Every structure is written in C-alpha cells, then in structure tokens.
N, C-alpha and C. Protein backbone atom coordinates (compact mmCIF):
# COMPACT_ATOMS: atom_id res chain seq x y z
N UNK A 1 58.64 -15.13 -23.74
CA UNK A 1 57.82 -14.57 -22.69
C UNK A 1 56.36 -14.69 -23.10
N UNK A 2 55.53 -15.11 -22.17
CA UNK A 2 54.10 -15.29 -22.45
C UNK A 2 53.37 -13.96 -22.31
N UNK A 3 52.18 -13.90 -22.91
CA UNK A 3 51.40 -12.66 -22.96
C UNK A 3 51.12 -12.11 -21.56
N UNK A 4 50.66 -12.97 -20.65
CA UNK A 4 50.34 -12.49 -19.30
C UNK A 4 51.54 -11.89 -18.60
N UNK A 5 52.67 -12.54 -18.72
CA UNK A 5 53.90 -12.04 -18.11
C UNK A 5 54.29 -10.70 -18.73
N UNK A 6 54.20 -10.61 -20.04
CA UNK A 6 54.56 -9.37 -20.73
C UNK A 6 53.64 -8.22 -20.30
N UNK A 7 52.35 -8.50 -20.25
CA UNK A 7 51.38 -7.45 -19.85
C UNK A 7 51.61 -7.02 -18.41
N UNK A 8 51.91 -7.97 -17.54
CA UNK A 8 52.17 -7.65 -16.14
C UNK A 8 53.39 -6.73 -16.03
N UNK A 9 54.44 -7.06 -16.74
CA UNK A 9 55.64 -6.23 -16.72
C UNK A 9 55.36 -4.84 -17.31
N UNK A 10 54.48 -4.78 -18.31
CA UNK A 10 54.09 -3.48 -18.87
C UNK A 10 53.36 -2.64 -17.82
N UNK A 11 52.51 -3.27 -17.03
CA UNK A 11 51.83 -2.54 -15.95
C UNK A 11 52.83 -1.97 -14.96
N UNK A 12 53.80 -2.77 -14.58
CA UNK A 12 54.82 -2.31 -13.64
C UNK A 12 55.61 -1.16 -14.23
N UNK A 13 55.96 -1.27 -15.50
CA UNK A 13 56.72 -0.21 -16.16
C UNK A 13 55.89 1.08 -16.25
N UNK A 14 54.62 0.94 -16.53
CA UNK A 14 53.76 2.10 -16.72
C UNK A 14 53.38 2.79 -15.40
N UNK A 15 53.02 1.98 -14.37
CA UNK A 15 52.50 2.54 -13.14
C UNK A 15 53.44 2.44 -11.94
N UNK A 16 54.46 1.60 -12.05
CA UNK A 16 55.39 1.40 -10.94
C UNK A 16 55.00 0.19 -10.11
N UNK A 17 56.02 -0.43 -9.54
CA UNK A 17 55.83 -1.65 -8.76
C UNK A 17 54.89 -1.43 -7.58
N UNK A 18 55.08 -0.34 -6.83
CA UNK A 18 54.25 -0.10 -5.65
C UNK A 18 52.78 0.05 -6.01
N UNK A 19 52.48 0.78 -7.08
CA UNK A 19 51.09 0.99 -7.48
C UNK A 19 50.45 -0.33 -7.90
N UNK A 20 51.19 -1.14 -8.64
CA UNK A 20 50.65 -2.42 -9.10
C UNK A 20 50.42 -3.36 -7.91
N UNK A 21 51.41 -3.45 -7.03
CA UNK A 21 51.26 -4.30 -5.86
C UNK A 21 50.12 -3.80 -4.97
N UNK A 22 49.99 -2.49 -4.83
CA UNK A 22 48.90 -1.93 -4.04
C UNK A 22 47.55 -2.24 -4.65
N UNK A 23 47.47 -2.18 -5.96
CA UNK A 23 46.21 -2.49 -6.64
C UNK A 23 45.85 -3.95 -6.47
N UNK A 24 46.82 -4.83 -6.58
CA UNK A 24 46.57 -6.26 -6.39
C UNK A 24 46.08 -6.50 -4.96
N UNK A 25 46.73 -5.88 -3.99
CA UNK A 25 46.32 -6.04 -2.59
C UNK A 25 44.90 -5.53 -2.38
N UNK A 26 44.56 -4.40 -3.00
CA UNK A 26 43.21 -3.84 -2.86
C UNK A 26 42.17 -4.77 -3.47
N UNK A 27 42.47 -5.34 -4.63
CA UNK A 27 41.54 -6.28 -5.27
C UNK A 27 41.35 -7.51 -4.39
N UNK A 28 42.43 -8.04 -3.85
CA UNK A 28 42.34 -9.22 -2.99
C UNK A 28 41.55 -8.91 -1.71
N UNK A 29 41.81 -7.75 -1.11
CA UNK A 29 41.08 -7.35 0.10
C UNK A 29 39.59 -7.20 -0.18
N UNK A 30 39.27 -6.59 -1.30
CA UNK A 30 37.86 -6.41 -1.66
C UNK A 30 37.19 -7.76 -1.90
N UNK A 31 37.86 -8.65 -2.62
CA UNK A 31 37.30 -9.98 -2.89
C UNK A 31 37.07 -10.74 -1.58
N UNK A 32 38.01 -10.64 -0.66
CA UNK A 32 37.85 -11.31 0.63
C UNK A 32 36.66 -10.74 1.39
N UNK A 33 36.55 -9.42 1.43
CA UNK A 33 35.44 -8.78 2.14
C UNK A 33 34.10 -9.19 1.55
N UNK A 34 34.01 -9.24 0.23
CA UNK A 34 32.77 -9.63 -0.43
C UNK A 34 32.44 -11.10 -0.14
N UNK A 35 33.43 -11.96 -0.18
CA UNK A 35 33.20 -13.38 0.09
C UNK A 35 32.76 -13.59 1.54
N UNK A 36 33.38 -12.87 2.46
CA UNK A 36 33.00 -12.99 3.87
C UNK A 36 31.58 -12.47 4.09
N UNK A 37 31.25 -11.36 3.46
CA UNK A 37 29.90 -10.80 3.61
C UNK A 37 28.86 -11.77 3.06
N UNK A 38 29.13 -12.35 1.93
CA UNK A 38 28.19 -13.31 1.33
C UNK A 38 28.06 -14.55 2.19
N UNK A 39 29.18 -15.03 2.72
CA UNK A 39 29.17 -16.22 3.56
C UNK A 39 28.33 -15.99 4.82
N UNK A 40 28.37 -14.78 5.36
CA UNK A 40 27.58 -14.48 6.56
C UNK A 40 26.08 -14.55 6.31
N UNK A 41 25.65 -14.49 5.05
CA UNK A 41 24.22 -14.55 4.75
C UNK A 41 23.69 -15.99 4.67
N UNK A 42 24.57 -16.96 4.70
CA UNK A 42 24.15 -18.36 4.61
C UNK A 42 23.64 -18.80 5.98
N UNK A 43 22.43 -19.32 6.05
CA UNK A 43 21.89 -19.75 7.34
C UNK A 43 22.74 -20.86 7.96
N UNK A 44 22.75 -20.88 9.30
CA UNK A 44 23.43 -21.96 10.01
C UNK A 44 22.78 -23.29 9.62
N UNK A 45 23.57 -24.31 9.57
CA UNK A 45 23.04 -25.62 9.23
C UNK A 45 24.16 -26.56 8.84
N UNK A 46 23.77 -27.74 8.41
CA UNK A 46 24.72 -28.73 7.92
C UNK A 46 24.53 -28.83 6.41
N UNK A 47 25.60 -28.65 5.70
CA UNK A 47 25.55 -28.66 4.24
C UNK A 47 26.48 -29.75 3.72
N UNK A 48 26.06 -30.40 2.66
CA UNK A 48 26.86 -31.44 2.04
C UNK A 48 26.88 -31.23 0.54
N UNK A 49 27.96 -31.66 -0.08
CA UNK A 49 28.05 -31.58 -1.54
C UNK A 49 28.96 -32.71 -2.03
N UNK A 50 28.74 -33.11 -3.25
CA UNK A 50 29.57 -34.13 -3.86
C UNK A 50 29.70 -33.84 -5.35
N UNK A 51 30.89 -33.99 -5.85
CA UNK A 51 31.14 -33.81 -7.27
C UNK A 51 32.32 -34.71 -7.65
N UNK A 52 32.76 -34.62 -8.87
CA UNK A 52 33.88 -35.44 -9.34
C UNK A 52 34.80 -34.64 -10.23
N UNK A 53 36.10 -34.84 -10.04
CA UNK A 53 37.08 -34.35 -11.01
C UNK A 53 37.18 -35.40 -12.10
N UNK A 54 37.50 -34.98 -13.31
CA UNK A 54 37.61 -35.94 -14.41
C UNK A 54 38.59 -37.05 -14.08
N UNK A 55 39.75 -36.68 -13.55
CA UNK A 55 40.75 -37.65 -13.12
C UNK A 55 41.84 -36.89 -12.36
N UNK A 56 42.83 -37.62 -11.86
CA UNK A 56 43.89 -36.98 -11.08
C UNK A 56 45.17 -36.75 -11.89
N UNK A 57 45.10 -36.97 -13.19
CA UNK A 57 46.26 -36.78 -14.04
C UNK A 57 47.19 -37.97 -14.08
N UNK A 58 46.99 -38.90 -13.16
CA UNK A 58 47.81 -40.12 -13.13
C UNK A 58 46.97 -41.28 -13.64
N UNK A 59 45.82 -41.45 -13.02
CA UNK A 59 44.87 -42.49 -13.47
C UNK A 59 43.87 -41.82 -14.41
N UNK A 60 44.32 -41.53 -15.62
CA UNK A 60 43.52 -40.79 -16.59
C UNK A 60 42.23 -41.53 -16.90
N UNK A 61 41.12 -40.78 -16.84
CA UNK A 61 39.82 -41.35 -17.14
C UNK A 61 39.11 -41.94 -15.93
N UNK A 62 39.80 -42.00 -14.79
CA UNK A 62 39.17 -42.52 -13.57
C UNK A 62 38.72 -41.34 -12.71
N UNK A 63 37.40 -41.11 -12.62
CA UNK A 63 36.90 -39.97 -11.86
C UNK A 63 37.35 -39.99 -10.40
N UNK A 64 37.60 -38.81 -9.86
CA UNK A 64 37.99 -38.66 -8.47
C UNK A 64 36.85 -37.98 -7.72
N UNK A 65 36.26 -38.66 -6.72
CA UNK A 65 35.16 -38.02 -5.99
C UNK A 65 35.67 -36.92 -5.07
N UNK A 66 34.87 -35.88 -4.96
CA UNK A 66 35.15 -34.78 -4.04
C UNK A 66 33.90 -34.61 -3.20
N UNK A 67 34.03 -34.80 -1.92
CA UNK A 67 32.89 -34.71 -1.00
C UNK A 67 33.22 -33.76 0.14
N UNK A 68 32.25 -32.99 0.54
CA UNK A 68 32.39 -32.17 1.73
C UNK A 68 31.07 -32.16 2.48
N UNK A 69 31.15 -32.03 3.74
CA UNK A 69 29.92 -32.03 4.53
C UNK A 69 30.18 -32.45 5.94
C-alpha cells in the first residue's frame, strides 16, 4: 500500500467516510468558486497561447505543441 492510500484510509477511519467525502466536496466547491470568480475578472477579448510538452511518451524526445486561441 502506498503512503497516499494509507493516509487516506487513516482519514476515513479517524473521521468517517461521510466527513471525508464532505470535506473533499467542500474543497472542490471552494476551488471551483474561486476559479470562476478569478475568470470573471479577465477582460473580454481574444487570447492565444502556445507551449510544448516534452513528448507524448511514444515518440520520446519529440516535442508536442499545445496551442489554444
């Protein structure tokens, strides 16, 4: 068993499944609310970005472009 799995099971044992699941849901809800609030502050417009992943795991060493816009 890996450390993260063990610690997660310890949380469930200590606080109960419902409390742990409720806490996870609360954290996710808060993160979503904060991301949405921050996104609303971005002015309307056209945005573009470009970056590269090191590779796709198949063609090792061949950069993979990532573009959005």
